[in-house]
Protein backbone atom coordinates (compact mmCIF):
# COMPACT_ATOMS: atom_id res chain seq x y z
CA UNK A 1 2.98 -31.48 25.73
CA UNK A 2 5.02 -32.62 22.74
CA UNK A 3 1.96 -34.30 21.22
CA UNK A 4 -0.08 -31.11 21.77
CA UNK A 5 2.64 -29.03 20.10
CA UNK A 6 2.78 -31.32 17.07
CA UNK A 7 -1.00 -31.37 16.68
CA UNK A 8 -1.42 -27.59 16.98
CA UNK A 9 1.65 -26.44 15.02
CA UNK A 10 0.92 -24.93 11.58
CA UNK A 11 3.15 -27.17 9.45
CA UNK A 12 1.41 -26.03 6.25
CA UNK A 13 2.49 -22.43 6.78
CA UNK A 14 6.04 -23.54 7.52
CA UNK A 15 6.06 -25.69 4.37
CA UNK A 16 4.99 -22.71 2.25
CA UNK A 17 7.78 -20.57 3.70
CA UNK A 18 10.41 -23.30 3.16
CA UNK A 19 9.22 -23.72 -0.44
CA UNK A 20 9.52 -19.97 -1.10
CA UNK A 21 12.99 -19.89 0.45
CA UNK A 22 14.29 -22.82 -1.60
CA UNK A 23 12.88 -21.48 -4.87
CA UNK A 24 14.10 -18.00 -3.93
CA UNK A 25 17.69 -19.22 -3.44
CA UNK A 26 17.73 -20.98 -6.84
CA UNK A 27 16.26 -17.87 -8.45
CA UNK A 28 18.81 -15.59 -6.77
CA UNK A 29 21.61 -17.90 -7.90
CA UNK A 30 20.40 -17.48 -11.48
CA UNK A 31 20.08 -13.71 -11.10
CA UNK A 32 23.75 -13.38 -10.05
CA UNK A 33 25.23 -16.27 -12.06
CA UNK A 34 26.87 -14.29 -14.87
CA UNK A 35 28.32 -11.66 -12.55
CA UNK A 36 29.88 -14.32 -10.33
CA UNK A 37 28.11 -12.87 -7.30
CA UNK A 38 27.67 -14.93 -4.18
CA UNK A 39 24.63 -13.11 -2.86
CA UNK A 40 22.77 -16.40 -2.67
CA UNK A 41 25.24 -17.59 0.00
CA UNK A 42 24.67 -14.44 2.08
CA UNK A 43 20.93 -14.91 1.56
CA UNK A 44 21.18 -18.44 2.96
CA UNK A 45 22.98 -17.13 6.06
CA UNK A 46 20.29 -14.50 6.56
CA UNK A 47 17.59 -17.10 6.11
CA UNK A 48 19.27 -19.25 8.73
CA UNK A 49 19.35 -16.25 11.07
CA UNK A 50 15.73 -15.41 10.29
CA UNK A 51 14.72 -19.03 10.86
CA UNK A 52 16.39 -18.88 14.28
CA UNK A 53 14.41 -15.76 15.20
CA UNK A 54 11.24 -17.46 13.97
CA UNK A 55 11.91 -20.53 16.13
CA UNK A 56 12.39 -18.39 19.23
CA UNK A 57 9.13 -16.53 18.57
CA UNK A 58 7.21 -19.80 18.15
CA UNK A 59 8.09 -20.78 21.72
CA UNK A 60 7.25 -17.33 23.10
CA UNK A 61 3.69 -16.34 23.93
CA UNK A 62 2.84 -13.53 21.49
CA UNK A 63 1.01 -11.68 24.29
CA UNK A 64 4.41 -10.79 25.76
CA UNK A 65 4.82 -8.28 22.93
CA UNK A 66 1.61 -6.48 23.94
CA UNK A 67 3.43 -5.07 26.99
CA UNK A 68 6.41 -3.90 24.94
CA UNK A 69 4.55 -2.52 21.93
CA UNK A 70 4.94 1.18 22.75
CA UNK A 71 8.60 0.98 23.92
CA UNK A 72 9.49 -1.03 20.80
CA UNK A 73 7.74 1.54 18.58
CA UNK A 74 9.60 4.46 20.17
CA UNK A 75 12.96 2.65 19.95
CA UNK A 76 12.44 2.14 16.20
CA UNK A 77 11.47 5.83 15.87
CA UNK A 78 14.80 6.76 17.47
CA UNK A 79 16.60 4.43 15.04
CA UNK A 80 14.81 6.06 12.10
CA UNK A 81 15.91 9.48 13.34
CA UNK A 82 19.46 8.18 13.81
CA UNK A 83 19.55 7.04 10.19
CA UNK A 84 19.07 10.62 9.03
CA UNK A 85 22.02 11.77 11.16
CA UNK A 86 24.64 9.00 11.07
CA UNK A 87 23.43 6.67 8.32
CA UNK A 88 25.75 6.28 5.30
CA UNK A 89 24.53 7.96 2.12
CA UNK A 90 24.12 5.35 -0.60
CA UNK A 91 22.68 6.23 -4.03
CA UNK A 92 21.58 9.59 -2.61
CA UNK A 93 19.59 8.14 0.29
CA UNK A 94 20.17 7.44 3.97
CA UNK A 95 18.26 4.25 4.78
CA UNK A 96 20.72 2.05 6.68
CA UNK A 97 22.64 1.96 9.94
CA UNK A 98 26.11 0.50 9.45
CA UNK A 99 26.82 -1.95 12.28
CA UNK A 100 30.17 -2.97 10.79
CA UNK A 101 29.29 -6.59 10.05
CA UNK A 102 25.79 -5.80 8.86
CA UNK A 103 23.85 -2.91 7.36
CA UNK A 104 20.49 -2.68 9.07
CA UNK A 105 17.44 -0.89 7.67
CA UNK A 106 15.26 0.43 10.54
CA UNK A 107 12.35 1.14 8.19
CA UNK A 108 12.00 -2.63 7.76
CA UNK A 109 11.69 -2.97 11.52
CA UNK A 110 8.98 -0.30 11.55
CA UNK A 111 6.73 -2.65 9.58
CA UNK A 112 6.63 -4.80 12.71
CA UNK A 113 6.59 -1.77 15.01
CA UNK A 114 3.52 -0.16 13.44
CA UNK A 115 1.60 -3.45 13.59
CA UNK A 116 2.47 -4.03 17.25
CA UNK A 117 1.60 -0.52 18.42
CA UNK A 118 -1.68 -0.30 16.48
CA UNK A 119 -2.69 -3.81 17.59
CA UNK A 120 -2.07 -2.73 21.19
CA UNK A 121 -3.96 0.56 20.74
CA UNK A 122 -7.04 -0.98 19.11
CA UNK A 123 -7.02 -3.86 21.61
CA UNK A 124 -7.28 -1.36 24.49
CA UNK A 125 -9.65 1.07 22.73
CA UNK A 126 -13.13 -0.40 22.43
CA UNK A 127 -15.53 1.13 19.90
CA UNK A 128 -18.85 -0.60 19.30
CA UNK A 129 -20.20 1.20 16.22
CA UNK A 130 -17.06 1.85 14.20
CA UNK A 131 -14.29 4.45 14.26
CA UNK A 132 -14.84 8.03 13.23
CA UNK A 133 -12.00 10.19 11.95
CA UNK A 134 -11.95 11.95 15.31
CA UNK A 135 -11.41 8.65 17.15
CA UNK A 136 -8.62 7.80 14.70
CA UNK A 137 -6.59 10.93 15.40
CA UNK A 138 -4.19 9.16 17.76
CA UNK A 139 -3.62 6.21 15.35
CA UNK A 140 -3.01 8.76 12.56
CA UNK A 141 -0.39 10.49 14.73
CA UNK A 142 1.20 7.11 15.53
CA UNK A 143 1.37 6.40 11.80
CA UNK A 144 2.46 9.87 10.74
CA UNK A 145 5.67 10.06 12.79
CA UNK A 146 7.49 7.07 11.20
CA UNK A 147 6.11 7.81 7.74
CA UNK A 148 7.58 11.34 7.80
CA UNK A 149 10.96 9.99 8.97
CA UNK A 150 10.99 7.31 6.25
CA UNK A 151 10.02 9.87 3.59
CA UNK A 152 12.94 12.02 4.73
CA UNK A 153 15.45 9.23 3.96
CA UNK A 154 13.92 9.26 1.23
CA UNK A 155 12.14 5.91 0.84
CA UNK A 156 8.71 6.43 -0.70
CA UNK A 157 8.08 2.71 -1.25
CA UNK A 158 8.50 1.68 2.39
CA UNK A 159 6.58 4.74 3.59
CA UNK A 160 3.65 3.76 1.38
CA UNK A 161 3.89 0.15 2.55
CA UNK A 162 3.70 1.20 6.21
CA UNK A 163 0.61 3.27 5.34
CA UNK A 164 -1.02 0.34 3.51
CA UNK A 165 -0.41 -1.96 6.48
CA UNK A 166 -1.83 0.58 8.92
CA UNK A 167 -4.94 1.18 6.80
CA UNK A 168 -5.48 -2.58 6.58
CA UNK A 169 -5.75 -2.56 10.36
CA UNK A 170 -8.04 0.48 10.24
CA UNK A 171 -10.38 -1.44 7.93
CA UNK A 172 -10.27 -4.53 10.16
CA UNK A 173 -11.37 -2.60 13.27
CA UNK A 174 -14.17 -1.05 11.18
CA UNK A 175 -14.28 2.56 10.14
CA UNK A 176 -17.59 4.34 9.70
CA UNK A 177 -18.56 4.57 6.04
CA UNK A 178 -18.80 8.36 6.31
CA UNK A 179 -15.25 8.49 7.67
CA UNK A 180 -14.01 6.16 4.96
CA UNK A 181 -15.61 8.29 2.24
CA UNK A 182 -14.13 11.51 3.65
CA UNK A 183 -10.71 9.90 3.93
CA UNK A 184 -10.92 8.66 0.34
CA UNK A 185 -11.87 12.11 -0.98
CA UNK A 186 -9.08 13.79 0.98
CA UNK A 187 -6.59 11.26 -0.42
CA UNK A 188 -7.80 11.93 -3.98
CA UNK A 189 -7.47 15.69 -3.48
CA UNK A 190 -4.03 15.32 -1.89
CA UNK A 191 -2.56 13.30 -4.79
CA UNK A 192 -1.81 16.30 -7.07
CA UNK A 193 -0.50 18.32 -4.12
CA UNK A 194 1.75 15.46 -3.01
CA UNK A 195 2.97 15.05 -6.60
CA UNK A 196 3.93 18.71 -6.83
CA UNK A 197 5.22 19.49 -3.34
CA UNK A 198 6.11 16.19 -1.60
CA UNK A 199 7.66 13.95 -4.25
CA UNK A 200 11.25 14.55 -5.28
CA UNK A 201 12.23 14.99 -8.93
CA UNK A 202 13.26 11.35 -9.44
CA UNK A 203 10.00 10.18 -7.85
CA UNK A 204 7.95 12.36 -10.18
CA UNK A 205 9.97 10.91 -13.06
CA UNK A 206 8.96 7.43 -11.94
CA UNK A 207 5.29 8.40 -12.06
CA UNK A 208 5.65 9.90 -15.54
CA UNK A 209 7.60 6.85 -16.67
CA UNK A 210 4.88 4.57 -15.33
CA UNK A 211 2.29 6.44 -17.41
CA UNK A 212 4.52 6.34 -20.51
CA UNK A 213 7.58 4.04 -20.23
CA UNK A 214 8.57 4.73 -23.85
CA UNK A 215 9.19 8.45 -23.19
CA UNK A 216 12.78 7.68 -22.14
CA UNK A 217 13.50 4.02 -23.00
CA UNK A 218 17.26 4.25 -22.41
CA UNK A 219 17.05 6.41 -19.32
CA UNK A 220 14.28 6.70 -16.74
CA UNK A 221 12.04 4.17 -18.49
CA UNK A 222 14.78 1.55 -18.83
CA UNK A 223 14.00 -0.37 -15.63
CA UNK A 224 10.28 -0.71 -16.36
CA UNK A 225 10.69 -1.60 -20.04
CA UNK A 226 13.39 -4.21 -19.48
CA UNK A 227 11.34 -5.80 -16.71
CA UNK A 228 8.25 -6.00 -18.92
CA UNK A 229 10.35 -7.53 -21.72
CA UNK A 230 11.78 -10.12 -19.32
CA UNK A 231 8.35 -11.08 -17.96
CA UNK A 232 6.79 -11.28 -21.42
CA UNK A 233 9.66 -13.26 -22.95
CA UNK A 234 9.03 -16.12 -20.55
CA UNK A 235 5.82 -16.92 -22.44
CA UNK A 236 4.05 -20.10 -21.29
CA UNK A 237 6.77 -22.32 -19.83
CA UNK A 238 9.77 -20.01 -19.65
CA UNK A 239 13.29 -20.29 -21.03
CA UNK A 240 14.61 -22.54 -18.28
CA UNK A 241 16.91 -22.09 -15.30
CA UNK A 242 20.01 -20.00 -16.15
CA UNK A 243 18.71 -19.51 -19.71
CA UNK A 244 16.95 -16.18 -19.48
CA UNK A 245 18.57 -13.79 -21.95
CA UNK A 246 17.46 -10.60 -20.18
CA UNK A 247 18.87 -11.93 -16.93
CA UNK A 248 22.10 -13.56 -18.08
CA UNK A 249 23.03 -10.70 -20.42
CA UNK A 250 22.41 -8.24 -17.56
CA UNK A 251 19.81 -6.18 -19.41
CA UNK A 252 17.58 -6.39 -16.35
CA UNK A 253 18.59 -3.82 -13.69
CA UNK A 254 18.52 -4.58 -9.95
CA UNK A 255 17.62 -8.15 -10.89
CA UNK A 256 18.68 -9.60 -7.54
CA UNK A 257 16.58 -7.18 -5.42
CA UNK A 258 13.55 -5.22 -6.62
CA UNK A 259 13.24 -7.03 -9.99
CA UNK A 260 13.85 -10.58 -8.80
CA UNK A 261 10.34 -11.59 -9.89
CA UNK A 262 11.22 -10.69 -13.49
CA UNK A 263 14.06 -13.24 -13.39
CA UNK A 264 11.67 -15.95 -12.25
CA UNK A 265 9.03 -15.01 -14.85
CA UNK A 266 11.53 -15.10 -17.71
CA UNK A 267 12.91 -18.50 -16.74
CA UNK A 268 9.67 -20.24 -15.72
CA UNK A 269 7.01 -18.49 -17.77
CA UNK A 270 3.31 -18.13 -17.09
CA UNK A 271 3.04 -21.60 -15.55
CA UNK A 272 5.80 -20.91 -13.03
CA UNK A 273 4.41 -17.46 -12.22
CA UNK A 274 0.94 -18.91 -11.68
CA UNK A 275 2.31 -21.53 -9.27
CA UNK A 276 4.33 -18.92 -7.39
CA UNK A 277 1.33 -16.59 -7.07
CA UNK A 278 -0.80 -19.48 -5.79
CA UNK A 279 1.83 -20.18 -3.13
CA UNK A 280 1.83 -16.51 -2.07
CA UNK A 281 -1.98 -16.59 -2.03
CA UNK A 282 -1.83 -19.64 0.24
CA UNK A 283 0.46 -17.72 2.60
CA UNK A 284 -2.01 -14.81 2.74
CA UNK A 285 -5.04 -17.06 3.25
CA UNK A 286 -3.30 -18.99 6.03
CA UNK A 287 -2.49 -15.71 7.74
CA UNK A 288 -6.12 -14.59 7.52
CA UNK A 289 -7.27 -17.94 8.88
CA UNK A 290 -4.89 -17.58 11.82
CA UNK A 291 -6.38 -14.14 12.51
CA UNK A 292 -9.92 -15.57 12.36
CA UNK A 293 -9.12 -18.24 14.95
CA UNK A 294 -6.96 -16.10 17.25
CA UNK A 295 -7.83 -16.39 20.92
CA UNK A 296 -8.00 -12.62 21.56
CA UNK A 297 -8.33 -9.29 19.78
CA UNK A 298 -4.62 -8.45 20.08
CA UNK A 299 -3.70 -11.76 18.45
CA UNK A 300 -6.23 -11.22 15.64
CA UNK A 301 -4.96 -7.70 14.97
CA UNK A 302 -1.35 -8.86 15.09
CA UNK A 303 -2.08 -11.65 12.59
CA UNK A 304 -3.94 -9.26 10.27
CA UNK A 305 -1.04 -6.82 10.39
CA UNK A 306 1.62 -9.44 9.66
CA UNK A 307 -0.46 -10.90 6.83
CA UNK A 308 -1.03 -7.45 5.33
CA UNK A 309 2.76 -6.92 5.23
CA UNK A 310 3.17 -10.04 3.08
CA UNK A 311 0.17 -9.14 0.93
CA UNK A 312 1.16 -5.56 0.17
CA UNK A 313 4.82 -6.39 -0.44
CA UNK A 314 3.90 -9.13 -2.89
CA UNK A 315 1.19 -7.08 -4.59
CA UNK A 316 3.29 -3.94 -5.03
CA UNK A 317 6.46 -5.77 -6.11
CA UNK A 318 4.71 -7.94 -8.70
CA UNK A 319 2.65 -4.97 -9.91
CA UNK A 320 5.82 -2.90 -10.19
CA UNK A 321 7.82 -5.37 -12.30
CA UNK A 322 4.88 -6.10 -14.62
CA UNK A 323 4.20 -2.41 -15.33
CA UNK A 324 0.89 -2.26 -13.45
CA UNK A 325 2.31 0.03 -10.74
CA UNK A 326 5.10 2.64 -10.68
CA UNK A 327 8.61 1.48 -9.80
CA UNK A 328 9.22 1.76 -6.04
CA UNK A 329 11.73 0.01 -3.82
CA UNK A 330 9.61 -2.82 -2.42
CA UNK A 331 11.09 -6.30 -1.98
CA UNK A 332 9.37 -9.61 -2.70
CA UNK A 333 9.15 -11.65 0.54
CA UNK A 334 11.65 -14.55 0.74
CA UNK A 335 12.81 -13.85 -2.84
CA UNK A 336 14.54 -10.48 -2.98
CA UNK A 337 18.12 -10.20 -1.78
CA UNK A 338 18.45 -8.33 1.51
CA UNK A 339 19.17 -9.25 5.12
CA UNK A 340 16.78 -6.83 6.83
CA UNK A 341 13.86 -7.84 4.62
CA UNK A 342 14.49 -11.58 5.06
CA UNK A 343 14.84 -11.41 8.84
CA UNK A 344 11.71 -9.25 9.26
CA UNK A 345 9.75 -11.67 7.04
CA UNK A 346 10.76 -14.57 9.29
CA UNK A 347 9.81 -12.55 12.37
CA UNK A 348 6.35 -12.06 10.85
CA UNK A 349 6.02 -15.81 10.23
CA UNK A 350 7.20 -16.55 13.79
CA UNK A 351 4.48 -14.31 15.23
CA UNK A 352 1.83 -15.94 13.04
CA UNK A 353 2.93 -19.41 14.16
CA UNK A 354 2.89 -18.30 17.81
CA UNK A 355 -0.66 -16.95 17.48
CA UNK A 356 -1.85 -20.13 15.80
CA UNK A 357 -0.16 -22.40 18.36
CA UNK A 358 -1.91 -20.66 21.27
CA UNK A 359 -5.39 -20.33 19.77
CA UNK A 360 -6.90 -22.93 22.13
CA UNK A 361 -4.97 -22.00 25.28
CA UNK A 362 -7.00 -20.36 28.07
């Protein structure tokens, strides 16, 4: 049994995660060095906790979660509703539940919840020729409920991320081309309406700032411009660890959370960024390979969903700090400071490892 475990365990995926964690801790230490912050110590504790959750999940058969997908989803919905009622208001938003020793963000948990419930739904619902919009009405309702609650916090970034993850699963189970075209056209038509009636004033400012960061360089465009300066100043090989001027002089805002990638780019340059992006690409490709070799449809869908979480978080965060996308609150997996994000990332890895370990079991 031990020999079977060692031969089937995905050590390469674990090595990639350990590498990201180690580099992430050093990068976080640099990001908080001048302020004397000890966030890197808290991050290490959270990583240890996340690693413990991951280890437990490796030894559990992932199919257990198929039975609890709907209850888990509804529990997280209740937590999201509770946030709006009893959650502390921080920076004008209610996104956390204060547990005393730990602030927990239920929207992070919904990333897992939406994957589990959609994987369960599509596993039970068999469609041979592809899904029409009519057949996707129930999945749309399943998606819509948490998205509306997350938008009410407000947290546009996480709401969009949950949508991206869900639509990745929609594409995997195959939508009819006609349905995909109609959905695309509706989305295009809804963009100006959402901009005018759904987005709040500060969110519209972020869109305008994305289109023209120089319109308010010391105000609303400050985050984006300083991030672009930090990334560009790294040049080919970077300025070196603890030597980034944008970082150490605190010109870079939120440099330990949303803009943590900018710190790394300034200190390690294009070469370091290229290596880091290759490592993230390896993580995504390993996840897709696990999905391809999964023993059942639920496992494949679960692996696709977990992998899409890592892909979209990395894509949006890096795009945001380099000025390719508007600024939204999306963390970089295993890099950004935050307990909820770290623990959920490890849970995703634990599920991927469990799926891979049981691919040959009948």
